[in-house]
Amino acid sequence: MSLILHTQPDLIALPPRAEAQICYVLVSIAADAGGVGAPVSWALVADASRSMRIPIVSEAQFRELVRAGGAQEVLVDGVPVWQLSGPVPDEIRASAPSALDYTARALHSVVERLDRADRFILVACAEQAQILVPSTDGDRRADLVAGISRLRSLRLGERTDLASGLRLGLAELAHGATPGSVRRIILLTDGFTERPDDCLGLARQAAAAGVSVSTLGLGGEFQDDLLTAMADLSGGRASFMRRADQIPAAVAAELDAARGVAAQALGLELAMPQGASLRRATRISPSLAPLDSSGADPRLQMLHLGDLERGAPIRLLLELLAPPEPPRPPPGGARRRLCVLTASSGTARVSADIVAHYRAAAPPPPPAILAAAGRVATMRLQRRALDAADRGDHAGAAGLMRAVAARLRDLGELALAEAAMRESAALETTGQTTGVGRRELTYATRRLGEHEV
């Protein structure tokens, strides 16, 4: 396997200025078609708190509950909602699956697709965390099924501490993964967790160990900002499920993605000369998200990009600060190296130079750069709106969300623009986002870079 690194434009055209100036470059990293897929070592960390165990009744079952007095309509913050007034009858509970039931179904299907060289780990967590399936070979199906069957009957407390489950999953992967395998954690939750900062720290720890953390958020009341940040820090995938019956497809997609990995634990190093610096890095595709760089020396930074899948190049927009250049460049202009990029995965390495060409008649950035920058600006504006809403600045958040809608219309994303306007209206009238609507908008915005070239 070898890596392919491409930058656009070949030369960054800049006018000579006596002060530093911002410039942009698109970076694409792909893998050649050679090589054989590696085995998969993966841990599923499932939220097993009370909300994941609540039976999901059908419309007919709900009407039966209402007729029997088992559910009643109440006002919560001035909004009418239905609440259970007692325990769900046994006959309804027996036929109404919970989110954990759907999770178990998903895992039973996945077990049939595991090979002998694969390893599977199952961790459940609420107030406490417990390993239900230690690192086990994929062909030991009876052992895997026995561990999965315990998931629905667990009682690990009422609160949720995802960090405890993540820590167990990472530790089990550290000593139980197949050598050379694709290592991945899949985190499934429908709610809020204690110690979110610990979850972010564990995502960084996973990235340093070459483990990607993919997150699956269910419903309208989970921490979308936390789950997307964990996936972005470790190079994993972040997915949203509106309904519990979407869990099996989402879990199967994670296994398919791991099977399609061509290069593991991809990193991009940026080495910059004196006067140049990295101002911002944003992944454009497979999903649109800001990236954090690491490194004690600002002139030598590293981006952890996670695993690279076949046929799915990773594309980035780098925002660099170019050093000053005297206002009178020599005939033909002056060229300055701004950065040396080095992409690496295992023993595979490839490098490319980013060079600025200072000249008096510098043309504007290429259309591809402007299109990517427009999508990045829209994503960041939406994040500002949600941050304002979380701080309680509802009027400010509503105004920012209207600005997001205008930019989405300019990008031709009319459905997303309408969704942003609905969130703006909800903020103005109720002082809150709409839960499911907010999360659908957040995850849909992350797909804005899918068609970038």
Protein backbone atom coordinates (compact mmCIF):
# COMPACT_ATOMS: atom_id res chain seq x y z
CA MET A 1 0.00 0.00 0.00
CA SER A 2 1.21 3.49 -0.83
CA LEU A 3 -0.24 6.92 -0.10
CA ILE A 4 -1.11 9.62 -2.64
CA LEU A 5 -0.86 13.25 -1.53
CA HIS A 6 -2.19 16.10 -3.66
CA THR A 7 -2.39 19.83 -2.95
CA GLN A 8 -4.36 22.58 -4.68
CA PRO A 9 -3.28 25.06 -5.94
CA ASP A 10 0.22 24.00 -6.96
CA LEU A 11 1.41 27.51 -6.13
CA ILE A 12 -0.46 29.85 -3.79
CA ALA A 13 -0.61 33.25 -5.53
CA LEU A 14 -0.21 36.11 -3.03
CA PRO A 15 0.34 39.84 -3.41
CA PRO A 16 3.51 41.13 -1.71
CA ARG A 17 2.68 42.76 1.61
CA ALA A 18 4.62 44.11 4.54
CA GLU A 19 2.46 42.12 6.98
CA ALA A 20 1.53 38.46 7.33
CA GLN A 21 -1.53 37.31 5.34
CA ILE A 22 -3.93 34.38 5.34
CA CYS A 23 -3.92 31.85 2.53
CA TYR A 24 -5.64 28.54 1.84
CA VAL A 25 -4.68 25.16 0.40
CA LEU A 26 -6.78 22.06 -0.26
CA VAL A 27 -5.08 18.78 0.64
CA SER A 28 -6.24 15.36 -0.57
CA ILE A 29 -4.85 12.06 0.78
CA ALA A 30 -5.75 8.73 -0.78
CA ALA A 31 -4.41 5.18 -0.88
CA ASP A 32 -3.71 3.09 -3.95
CA ALA A 33 -5.95 0.13 -4.71
CA GLY A 34 -3.38 -2.49 -3.66
CA GLY A 35 -3.21 -4.49 -0.48
CA VAL A 36 -5.45 -6.94 1.37
CA GLY A 37 -7.96 -5.87 4.00
CA ALA A 38 -6.74 -6.27 7.58
CA PRO A 39 -8.72 -8.09 10.27
CA VAL A 40 -10.89 -5.99 12.55
CA SER A 41 -10.57 -5.66 16.33
CA TRP A 42 -13.46 -3.63 17.64
CA ALA A 43 -15.19 -2.86 20.89
CA LEU A 44 -18.81 -1.80 21.15
CA VAL A 45 -19.45 0.34 24.24
CA ALA A 46 -23.21 0.44 24.85
CA ASP A 47 -25.02 2.86 27.11
CA ALA A 48 -27.12 0.55 29.31
CA SER A 49 -28.83 3.24 31.40
CA ARG A 50 -32.56 3.23 32.11
CA SER A 51 -33.53 5.18 28.98
CA MET A 52 -31.95 2.54 26.75
CA ARG A 53 -34.11 -0.13 28.44
CA ILE A 54 -37.48 1.63 28.07
CA PRO A 55 -39.86 -0.35 25.78
CA ILE A 56 -40.64 1.40 22.50
CA VAL A 57 -44.36 0.91 21.99
CA SER A 58 -46.18 1.03 18.68
CA GLU A 59 -48.97 3.52 18.01
CA ALA A 60 -51.59 0.83 18.68
CA GLN A 61 -49.90 -0.15 21.94
CA PHE A 62 -49.73 3.49 22.99
CA ARG A 63 -53.46 3.97 22.38
CA GLU A 64 -54.09 0.88 24.49
CA LEU A 65 -51.99 2.36 27.30
CA VAL A 66 -53.96 5.61 27.14
CA ARG A 67 -57.30 3.78 27.25
CA ALA A 68 -56.14 1.77 30.27
CA GLY A 69 -54.93 4.90 32.08
CA GLY A 70 -51.29 3.90 31.80
CA ALA A 71 -50.28 7.18 30.10
CA GLN A 72 -51.47 10.74 30.58
CA GLU A 73 -50.84 14.11 28.99
CA VAL A 74 -49.04 16.69 31.16
CA LEU A 75 -47.45 20.09 30.59
CA VAL A 76 -43.64 20.31 30.69
CA ASP A 77 -42.30 23.87 30.30
CA GLY A 78 -45.67 24.79 28.82
CA VAL A 79 -45.51 22.03 26.20
CA PRO A 80 -48.01 19.11 26.32
CA VAL A 81 -46.24 15.74 26.47
CA TRP A 82 -47.34 12.20 27.26
CA GLN A 83 -45.90 10.45 30.32
CA LEU A 84 -46.34 6.95 31.68
CA SER A 85 -48.36 6.92 34.89
CA GLY A 86 -47.22 3.47 35.95
CA PRO A 87 -45.20 0.43 34.86
CA VAL A 88 -45.66 -0.89 31.34
CA PRO A 89 -47.84 -4.04 31.41
CA ASP A 90 -45.89 -7.28 30.96
CA GLU A 91 -47.73 -8.24 27.76
CA ILE A 92 -46.79 -4.92 26.10
CA ARG A 93 -43.22 -5.00 27.43
CA ALA A 94 -42.75 -8.49 26.00
CA SER A 95 -43.60 -7.32 22.48
CA ALA A 96 -42.13 -3.79 22.61
CA PRO A 97 -38.36 -3.78 22.01
CA SER A 98 -36.06 -1.32 23.74
CA ALA A 99 -32.98 0.36 22.28
CA LEU A 100 -30.86 -2.33 23.97
CA ASP A 101 -33.01 -5.01 22.28
CA TYR A 102 -32.21 -3.45 18.91
CA THR A 103 -28.53 -3.29 19.89
CA ALA A 104 -28.52 -7.00 20.73
CA ARG A 105 -30.21 -7.78 17.41
CA ALA A 106 -27.57 -5.76 15.60
CA LEU A 107 -24.75 -7.59 17.33
CA HIS A 108 -26.23 -11.03 16.64
CA SER A 109 -26.25 -10.16 12.93
CA VAL A 110 -22.70 -8.82 13.06
CA VAL A 111 -21.39 -11.94 14.82
CA GLU A 112 -22.31 -14.00 11.76
CA ARG A 113 -20.02 -11.81 9.64
CA LEU A 114 -16.89 -12.02 11.80
CA ASP A 115 -13.87 -14.00 10.64
CA ARG A 116 -11.51 -16.05 12.78
CA ALA A 117 -8.85 -13.31 12.76
CA ASP A 118 -11.35 -10.67 13.91
CA ARG A 119 -11.76 -9.80 17.59
CA PHE A 120 -14.92 -8.51 19.27
CA ILE A 121 -15.39 -6.82 22.65
CA LEU A 122 -18.68 -5.77 24.28
CA VAL A 123 -18.80 -3.29 27.16
CA ALA A 124 -21.97 -2.02 28.86
CA CYS A 125 -22.00 1.08 31.05
CA ALA A 126 -24.31 3.23 33.14
CA GLU A 127 -23.13 4.26 36.63
CA GLN A 128 -20.71 1.34 36.43
CA ALA A 129 -19.13 -0.34 33.43
CA GLN A 130 -18.85 -4.07 32.80
CA ILE A 131 -17.18 -6.20 30.13
CA LEU A 132 -19.75 -8.63 28.78
CA VAL A 133 -17.51 -10.05 26.06
CA PRO A 134 -13.73 -9.82 26.57
CA SER A 135 -11.58 -9.75 23.44
CA THR A 136 -12.80 -12.90 21.67
CA ASP A 137 -11.99 -14.49 18.31
CA GLY A 138 -14.67 -13.94 15.70
CA ASP A 139 -15.27 -17.68 15.13
CA ARG A 140 -16.20 -18.33 18.79
CA ARG A 141 -19.80 -17.47 18.05
CA ALA A 142 -21.34 -19.33 21.00
CA ASP A 143 -19.24 -17.29 23.45
CA LEU A 144 -20.07 -14.05 21.64
CA VAL A 145 -23.81 -14.76 21.61
CA ALA A 146 -23.77 -15.70 25.30
CA GLY A 147 -22.18 -12.36 26.21
CA ILE A 148 -24.54 -10.38 24.00
CA SER A 149 -27.57 -12.08 25.59
CA ARG A 150 -26.64 -10.54 28.96
CA LEU A 151 -26.97 -6.99 27.62
CA ARG A 152 -30.75 -6.67 28.02
CA SER A 153 -30.90 -7.87 31.63
CA LEU A 154 -28.13 -5.69 33.08
CA ARG A 155 -28.79 -3.22 35.88
CA LEU A 156 -25.76 -0.93 36.18
CA GLY A 157 -27.40 2.10 37.77
CA GLU A 158 -29.53 5.02 36.63
CA ARG A 159 -26.91 7.63 35.75
CA THR A 160 -24.60 7.45 32.72
CA ASP A 161 -20.79 7.49 32.81
CA LEU A 162 -19.56 6.79 29.30
CA ALA A 163 -15.94 7.43 30.27
CA SER A 164 -15.90 4.29 32.43
CA GLY A 165 -17.04 2.18 29.48
CA LEU A 166 -14.59 3.81 27.08
CA ARG A 167 -11.72 3.18 29.47
CA LEU A 168 -12.57 -0.53 29.69
CA GLY A 169 -12.92 -0.79 25.92
CA LEU A 170 -9.55 0.87 25.30
CA ALA A 171 -7.80 -1.31 27.86
CA GLU A 172 -9.28 -4.48 26.38
CA LEU A 173 -8.23 -3.43 22.87
CA ALA A 174 -4.71 -2.62 24.08
CA HIS A 175 -3.98 -6.20 25.07
CA GLY A 176 -6.53 -8.18 23.08
CA ALA A 177 -6.42 -6.81 19.53
CA THR A 178 -5.17 -8.97 16.68
CA PRO A 179 -1.71 -7.73 15.59
CA GLY A 180 -2.00 -5.47 12.55
CA SER A 181 -5.78 -5.27 12.79
CA VAL A 182 -7.98 -2.21 12.31
CA ARG A 183 -8.79 -1.12 15.88
CA ARG A 184 -12.02 0.71 16.52
CA ILE A 185 -14.41 1.58 19.33
CA ILE A 186 -18.11 2.13 18.60
CA LEU A 187 -19.89 4.14 21.30
CA LEU A 188 -23.71 4.01 21.37
CA THR A 189 -25.75 6.32 23.60
CA ASP A 190 -29.08 8.13 23.78
CA GLY A 191 -28.39 10.59 26.60
CA PHE A 192 -26.08 12.80 28.59
CA THR A 193 -23.01 11.59 30.41
CA GLU A 194 -21.14 12.58 33.51
CA ARG A 195 -17.49 13.60 33.06
CA PRO A 196 -17.64 14.65 29.39
CA ASP A 197 -14.11 16.08 29.62
CA ASP A 198 -12.83 12.61 30.53
CA CYS A 199 -14.51 11.27 27.38
CA LEU A 200 -12.61 13.82 25.27
CA GLY A 201 -9.36 12.90 27.00
CA LEU A 202 -9.97 9.23 26.25
CA ALA A 203 -10.66 10.06 22.59
CA ARG A 204 -7.27 11.78 22.43
CA GLN A 205 -5.68 8.78 24.14
CA ALA A 206 -7.32 6.50 21.57
CA ALA A 207 -5.98 8.61 18.69
CA ALA A 208 -2.45 8.42 20.11
CA ALA A 209 -2.80 4.62 20.28
CA GLY A 210 -4.09 4.36 16.68
CA VAL A 211 -7.67 3.57 17.73
CA SER A 212 -10.60 5.36 16.08
CA VAL A 213 -13.73 6.09 18.13
CA SER A 214 -16.97 6.10 16.15
CA THR A 215 -20.05 7.46 17.91
CA LEU A 216 -23.71 6.58 17.40
CA GLY A 217 -26.16 9.10 18.88
CA LEU A 218 -29.79 8.04 19.27
CA GLY A 219 -32.87 10.27 19.54
CA GLY A 220 -33.03 13.94 20.45
CA GLU A 221 -31.46 14.21 23.89
CA PHE A 222 -27.81 13.22 23.58
CA GLN A 223 -24.71 15.43 23.60
CA ASP A 224 -24.14 15.89 19.89
CA ASP A 225 -21.25 18.31 20.46
CA LEU A 226 -19.47 15.74 22.65
CA LEU A 227 -20.05 12.77 20.33
CA THR A 228 -18.93 14.61 17.20
CA ALA A 229 -15.86 15.98 18.99
CA MET A 230 -14.84 12.51 20.17
CA ALA A 231 -15.11 11.14 16.65
CA ASP A 232 -13.20 14.07 15.17
CA LEU A 233 -10.38 13.91 17.74
CA SER A 234 -9.76 10.21 17.04
CA GLY A 235 -10.50 10.10 13.31
CA GLY A 236 -13.71 8.12 13.79
CA ARG A 237 -17.18 8.50 12.30
CA ALA A 238 -20.14 10.25 13.94
CA SER A 239 -23.66 9.06 13.08
CA PHE A 240 -27.14 10.13 14.13
CA MET A 241 -30.10 7.76 14.49
CA ARG A 242 -33.55 9.24 14.90
CA ARG A 243 -35.11 5.89 15.85
CA ALA A 244 -33.89 2.78 17.67
CA ASP A 245 -34.77 0.52 14.75
CA GLN A 246 -31.92 2.22 12.84
CA ILE A 247 -29.33 0.78 15.23
CA PRO A 248 -28.74 -2.51 13.33
CA ALA A 249 -27.97 -0.70 10.05
CA ALA A 250 -25.68 1.80 11.81
CA VAL A 251 -23.70 -0.93 13.58
CA ALA A 252 -23.39 -2.93 10.36
CA ALA A 253 -22.14 0.19 8.55
CA GLU A 254 -19.38 0.57 11.13
CA LEU A 255 -18.17 -2.97 10.48
CA ASP A 256 -18.27 -2.35 6.72
CA ALA A 257 -16.26 0.85 7.17
CA ALA A 258 -13.63 -0.97 9.22
CA ARG A 259 -13.44 -3.70 6.57
CA GLY A 260 -12.77 -1.02 3.93
CA VAL A 261 -9.73 0.53 5.62
CA ALA A 262 -6.72 0.84 3.33
CA ALA A 263 -4.38 2.78 5.66
CA GLN A 264 -4.55 2.81 9.45
CA ALA A 265 -3.95 5.65 11.91
CA LEU A 266 -3.16 8.19 9.21
CA GLY A 267 -1.26 11.25 10.39
CA LEU A 268 -0.37 14.50 8.62
CA GLU A 269 2.70 16.41 9.81
CA LEU A 270 3.12 20.09 8.99
CA ALA A 271 6.65 21.49 9.18
CA MET A 272 6.73 25.28 8.72
CA PRO A 273 9.66 27.71 8.44
CA GLN A 274 10.08 30.78 10.60
CA GLY A 275 7.27 33.25 9.96
CA ALA A 276 4.71 30.76 8.67
CA SER A 277 2.12 29.06 10.88
CA LEU A 278 -1.03 26.94 10.80
CA ARG A 279 -4.03 29.08 11.70
CA ARG A 280 -6.77 26.49 11.24
CA ALA A 281 -7.35 23.02 9.79
CA THR A 282 -10.74 21.69 8.70
CA ARG A 283 -11.62 18.30 7.29
CA ILE A 284 -13.85 18.71 4.24
CA SER A 285 -14.59 15.04 3.59
CA PRO A 286 -15.56 12.35 4.43
CA SER A 287 -17.25 14.70 6.93
CA LEU A 288 -16.98 18.44 7.50
CA ALA A 289 -15.40 19.15 10.88
CA PRO A 290 -12.72 21.28 12.55
CA LEU A 291 -9.48 19.48 13.42
CA ASP A 292 -7.20 20.04 16.40
CA SER A 293 -3.46 19.96 15.78
CA SER A 294 -0.95 18.80 18.36
CA GLY A 295 2.69 19.58 18.97
CA ALA A 296 4.74 21.60 21.46
CA ASP A 297 6.47 23.49 18.64
CA PRO A 298 4.04 25.69 16.65
CA ARG A 299 6.28 25.20 13.61
CA LEU A 300 5.87 21.40 13.76
CA GLN A 301 2.25 20.30 14.09
CA MET A 302 0.49 16.95 13.67
CA LEU A 303 -3.09 16.17 12.61
CA HIS A 304 -4.54 12.76 13.58
CA LEU A 305 -6.81 11.76 10.70
CA GLY A 306 -7.79 8.22 11.70
CA ASP A 307 -8.20 5.40 9.19
CA LEU A 308 -8.28 5.97 5.43
CA GLU A 309 -10.90 3.94 3.57
CA ARG A 310 -10.52 2.68 0.03
CA GLY A 311 -12.16 4.97 -2.49
CA ALA A 312 -12.80 7.67 0.13
CA PRO A 313 -9.94 10.20 0.12
CA ILE A 314 -9.56 12.48 3.11
CA ARG A 315 -9.73 16.13 2.05
CA LEU A 316 -8.65 19.04 4.21
CA LEU A 317 -8.69 22.81 3.98
CA LEU A 318 -5.60 24.31 5.62
CA GLU A 319 -5.62 27.96 6.58
CA LEU A 320 -2.02 29.18 6.80
CA LEU A 321 -0.48 32.45 7.84
CA ALA A 322 2.10 33.41 5.21
CA PRO A 323 5.06 35.60 6.27
CA PRO A 324 5.50 39.18 5.00
CA GLU A 325 7.18 39.79 1.67
CA PRO A 326 8.75 43.11 0.63
CA PRO A 327 6.41 45.13 -1.59
CA ARG A 328 8.79 45.06 -4.56
CA PRO A 329 9.33 41.42 -5.57
CA PRO A 330 11.93 40.61 -8.23
CA PRO A 331 10.84 40.22 -11.87
CA GLY A 332 8.66 37.13 -12.12
CA GLY A 333 7.81 37.27 -8.42
CA ALA A 334 9.30 35.61 -5.36
CA ARG A 335 8.64 32.07 -4.14
CA ARG A 336 8.66 31.02 -0.48
CA ARG A 337 8.04 27.59 1.01
CA LEU A 338 5.25 27.84 3.57
CA CYS A 339 5.02 24.23 4.72
CA VAL A 340 6.25 20.70 4.14
CA LEU A 341 3.40 18.18 4.44
CA THR A 342 4.17 14.55 5.32
CA ALA A 343 1.35 12.00 5.40
CA SER A 344 2.18 8.70 7.08
CA SER A 345 0.56 5.39 7.95
CA GLY A 346 2.83 2.69 9.32
CA THR A 347 5.84 2.55 7.01
CA ALA A 348 4.08 4.35 4.14
CA ARG A 349 5.06 8.01 3.81
CA VAL A 350 4.59 10.72 1.20
CA SER A 351 5.52 14.41 1.26
CA ALA A 352 4.63 17.58 -0.61
CA ASP A 353 5.67 21.24 -0.44
CA ILE A 354 3.27 24.14 -0.09
CA VAL A 355 4.81 27.13 -1.85
CA ALA A 356 3.66 30.75 -2.05
CA HIS A 357 4.29 32.79 -5.19
CA TYR A 358 4.39 36.51 -4.35
CA ARG A 359 3.63 38.68 -7.35
CA ALA A 360 2.02 42.03 -7.92
CA ALA A 361 -0.88 40.77 -10.06
CA ALA A 362 -1.89 37.79 -7.92
CA PRO A 363 -5.19 36.21 -9.09
CA PRO A 364 -7.95 35.31 -6.62
CA PRO A 365 -8.04 31.79 -5.07
CA PRO A 366 -9.36 28.99 -7.33
CA PRO A 367 -13.13 28.26 -7.25
CA ALA A 368 -12.58 24.97 -5.38
CA ILE A 369 -10.86 26.86 -2.55
CA LEU A 370 -13.67 29.43 -2.38
CA ALA A 371 -16.34 26.70 -2.37
CA ALA A 372 -14.62 24.80 0.45
CA ALA A 373 -14.06 27.98 2.47
CA GLY A 374 -17.76 28.84 2.10
CA ARG A 375 -18.81 25.49 3.52
CA VAL A 376 -16.32 25.78 6.36
CA ALA A 377 -17.58 29.27 7.23
CA THR A 378 -21.19 27.99 7.28
CA MET A 379 -20.28 25.11 9.60
CA ARG A 380 -18.44 27.42 11.99
CA LEU A 381 -21.32 29.89 12.02
CA GLN A 382 -23.72 27.10 12.94
CA ARG A 383 -21.44 26.06 15.79
CA ARG A 384 -21.44 29.63 17.06
CA ALA A 385 -25.25 29.63 16.99
CA LEU A 386 -25.48 26.41 19.00
CA ASP A 387 -22.85 27.61 21.47
CA ALA A 388 -24.90 30.78 21.99
CA ALA A 389 -28.02 28.69 22.58
CA ASP A 390 -26.21 26.53 25.13
CA ARG A 391 -25.05 29.68 26.96
CA GLY A 392 -28.64 30.92 27.18
CA ASP A 393 -28.25 33.70 24.58
CA HIS A 394 -31.41 32.71 22.74
CA ALA A 395 -31.86 35.94 20.80
CA GLY A 396 -28.25 35.88 19.62
CA ALA A 397 -28.53 32.21 18.72
CA ALA A 398 -31.70 32.82 16.70
CA GLY A 399 -30.03 35.62 14.73
CA LEU A 400 -26.96 33.50 14.02
CA MET A 401 -29.16 30.60 12.91
CA ARG A 402 -30.95 32.89 10.44
CA ALA A 403 -27.54 33.82 9.05
CA VAL A 404 -26.75 30.10 8.75
CA ALA A 405 -29.98 29.62 6.77
CA ALA A 406 -29.01 32.42 4.38
CA ARG A 407 -25.59 30.87 3.74
CA LEU A 408 -27.11 27.44 3.21
CA ARG A 409 -29.48 28.91 0.61
CA ASP A 410 -26.48 30.48 -1.14
CA LEU A 411 -24.88 27.03 -1.23
CA GLY A 412 -28.03 25.55 -2.78
CA GLU A 413 -28.83 23.54 0.37
CA LEU A 414 -32.48 24.54 0.53
CA ALA A 415 -33.69 21.72 2.82
CA LEU A 416 -30.97 22.50 5.33
CA ALA A 417 -31.78 26.21 5.11
CA GLU A 418 -35.39 25.44 6.03
CA ALA A 419 -34.21 23.31 8.97
CA ALA A 420 -32.03 26.18 10.20
CA MET A 421 -35.00 28.56 10.00
CA ARG A 422 -37.09 26.14 12.08
CA GLU A 423 -34.38 26.12 14.74
CA SER A 424 -34.27 29.92 14.66
CA ALA A 425 -38.04 30.11 15.13
CA ALA A 426 -37.92 27.61 18.01
CA LEU A 427 -35.22 29.66 19.75
CA GLU A 428 -37.28 32.82 19.40
CA THR A 429 -40.53 31.30 20.66
CA THR A 430 -39.39 28.76 23.29
CA GLY A 431 -35.80 29.73 24.04
CA GLN A 432 -34.67 26.20 23.10
CA THR A 433 -33.61 24.22 20.08
CA THR A 434 -35.91 21.41 18.95
CA GLY A 435 -33.87 18.41 20.11
CA VAL A 436 -34.15 16.00 17.20
CA GLY A 437 -34.25 18.87 14.70
CA ARG A 438 -31.06 20.39 16.10
CA ARG A 439 -29.25 17.09 15.87
CA GLU A 440 -30.47 16.35 12.36
CA LEU A 441 -29.19 19.77 11.26
CA THR A 442 -25.84 19.26 13.01
CA TYR A 443 -25.17 15.90 11.38
CA ALA A 444 -26.49 16.98 7.97
CA THR A 445 -24.15 20.00 8.01
CA ARG A 446 -21.23 17.62 8.52
CA ARG A 447 -22.07 16.14 5.10
CA LEU A 448 -21.71 19.47 3.28
CA GLY A 449 -18.23 18.55 2.08
CA GLU A 450 -19.17 15.22 0.50
CA HIS A 451 -19.36 16.68 -3.01
CA GLU A 452 -16.28 18.88 -2.79
CA VAL A 453 -13.54 18.24 -5.38
